[in-house]
Amino acid sequence: MTASNGMIVRTWSATATSTGADQYCHYFASTLLPLLRTRAGFAGGYLLSRELDGTVELTTHTFWESSAALHAFAGEDITRSVVEPEAQSALLSFDRTATHRSVLVDGRS
């Protein structure tokens, strides 16, 4: 099986209070996505949430056209999470690493 166009999905999770989740959502939409859209090889992203034992679990899924684009974003160790202080302040906890998966079938369009 081969990946669809070499696309890679970077996944990362965090937890927050309801208020913190709202703050992170605003940060993701108004600060992070516009910044990522300026980076070569960025192909879009999702922010997902679910209620979890009185907190909110947040999961980001960002799409990248190549491993080179991922390295340009995350640095040499692409598994290291990239969480700016503004984002950290909205969160209770967050993954220190991100996972990456190759897209086999892209049904978004």
Protein backbone atom coordinates (compact mmCIF):
# COMPACT_ATOMS: atom_id res chain seq x y z
CA MET A 1 0.00 0.00 0.00
CA THR A 2 1.34 3.45 -0.85
CA ALA A 3 0.52 6.78 0.74
CA SER A 4 -1.83 9.17 -1.05
CA ASN A 5 0.44 11.87 -2.54
CA GLY A 6 2.96 11.43 0.33
CA MET A 7 0.71 13.37 2.73
CA ILE A 8 1.56 13.04 6.45
CA VAL A 9 -0.76 13.75 9.38
CA ARG A 10 0.79 15.05 12.61
CA THR A 11 -1.35 14.31 15.69
CA TRP A 12 -1.02 15.83 19.14
CA SER A 13 -3.28 15.88 22.23
CA ALA A 14 -3.84 18.00 25.32
CA THR A 15 -6.35 18.45 28.12
CA ALA A 16 -7.96 21.65 29.32
CA THR A 17 -10.83 23.01 31.37
CA SER A 18 -13.87 24.13 29.37
CA THR A 19 -12.61 27.72 29.55
CA GLY A 20 -9.08 26.66 28.59
CA ALA A 21 -10.44 24.64 25.66
CA ASP A 22 -12.28 27.75 24.42
CA GLN A 23 -9.06 29.76 24.78
CA TYR A 24 -7.02 27.14 22.92
CA CYS A 25 -9.65 26.95 20.16
CA HIS A 26 -9.38 30.73 19.70
CA TYR A 27 -5.56 30.47 19.66
CA PHE A 28 -5.64 27.61 17.13
CA ALA A 29 -8.02 29.44 14.78
CA SER A 30 -6.70 33.01 15.07
CA THR A 31 -2.96 32.56 15.69
CA LEU A 32 -1.69 29.07 14.89
CA LEU A 33 -3.51 28.31 11.64
CA PRO A 34 -2.61 31.66 10.03
CA LEU A 35 1.04 31.07 10.99
CA LEU A 36 1.03 27.50 9.66
CA ARG A 37 -0.57 28.64 6.39
CA THR A 38 2.59 30.67 5.71
CA ARG A 39 4.77 27.55 5.89
CA ALA A 40 5.63 25.65 2.73
CA GLY A 41 4.16 22.18 2.76
CA PHE A 42 1.37 22.85 5.28
CA ALA A 43 -1.86 21.42 3.89
CA GLY A 44 -4.49 22.16 6.56
CA GLY A 45 -5.53 21.03 9.98
CA TYR A 46 -8.28 20.08 12.38
CA LEU A 47 -8.83 20.73 16.07
CA LEU A 48 -11.07 18.10 17.66
CA SER A 49 -12.46 17.88 21.18
CA ARG A 50 -14.35 15.55 23.50
CA GLU A 51 -15.55 15.79 27.07
CA LEU A 52 -13.46 13.60 29.35
CA ASP A 53 -14.11 13.24 33.10
CA GLY A 54 -14.78 16.93 33.75
CA THR A 55 -12.10 18.18 31.36
CA VAL A 56 -11.84 18.55 27.61
CA GLU A 57 -9.46 16.51 25.51
CA LEU A 58 -8.16 18.44 22.51
CA THR A 59 -6.55 16.72 19.55
CA THR A 60 -4.88 18.46 16.64
CA HIS A 61 -4.41 16.87 13.25
CA THR A 62 -2.25 18.86 10.85
CA PHE A 63 -1.56 17.79 7.28
CA TRP A 64 1.91 18.10 5.74
CA GLU A 65 3.01 17.46 2.17
CA SER A 66 6.38 15.90 3.09
CA SER A 67 8.75 14.98 5.87
CA ALA A 68 10.90 17.95 4.79
CA ALA A 69 7.96 20.28 5.55
CA LEU A 70 7.58 18.63 8.97
CA HIS A 71 11.28 19.12 9.70
CA ALA A 72 11.02 22.79 8.71
CA PHE A 73 8.18 23.18 11.23
CA ALA A 74 9.27 20.97 14.14
CA GLY A 75 13.04 20.82 13.77
CA GLU A 76 15.37 17.85 13.62
CA ASP A 77 13.25 15.75 16.02
CA ILE A 78 9.82 15.85 14.39
CA THR A 79 8.31 13.86 17.27
CA ARG A 80 8.89 16.80 19.65
CA SER A 81 5.69 18.74 20.25
CA VAL A 82 5.70 22.44 19.38
CA VAL A 83 3.54 24.28 21.92
CA GLU A 84 3.97 28.03 22.28
CA PRO A 85 3.65 29.64 25.76
CA GLU A 86 0.34 31.26 24.75
CA ALA A 87 -1.08 27.82 23.99
CA GLN A 88 0.44 26.22 27.10
CA SER A 89 -1.25 28.78 29.34
CA ALA A 90 -4.68 27.53 28.20
CA LEU A 91 -3.92 23.85 28.86
CA LEU A 92 -3.89 21.60 31.92
CA SER A 93 -1.50 19.14 30.27
CA PHE A 94 -0.21 18.29 26.81
CA ASP A 95 1.69 15.56 25.02
CA ARG A 96 5.42 16.22 24.82
CA THR A 97 5.53 14.30 21.55
CA ALA A 98 3.47 14.14 18.37
CA THR A 99 2.75 11.11 16.23
CA HIS A 100 2.86 10.94 12.46
CA ARG A 101 0.90 8.79 10.04
CA SER A 102 0.99 8.50 6.27
CA VAL A 103 -2.31 9.22 4.53
CA LEU A 104 -3.36 6.19 2.51
CA VAL A 105 -6.72 7.53 1.30
CA ASP A 106 -7.79 11.17 1.48
CA GLY A 107 -11.57 11.53 1.45
CA ARG A 108 -11.69 15.25 2.30
CA SER A 109 -12.53 16.42 -1.21
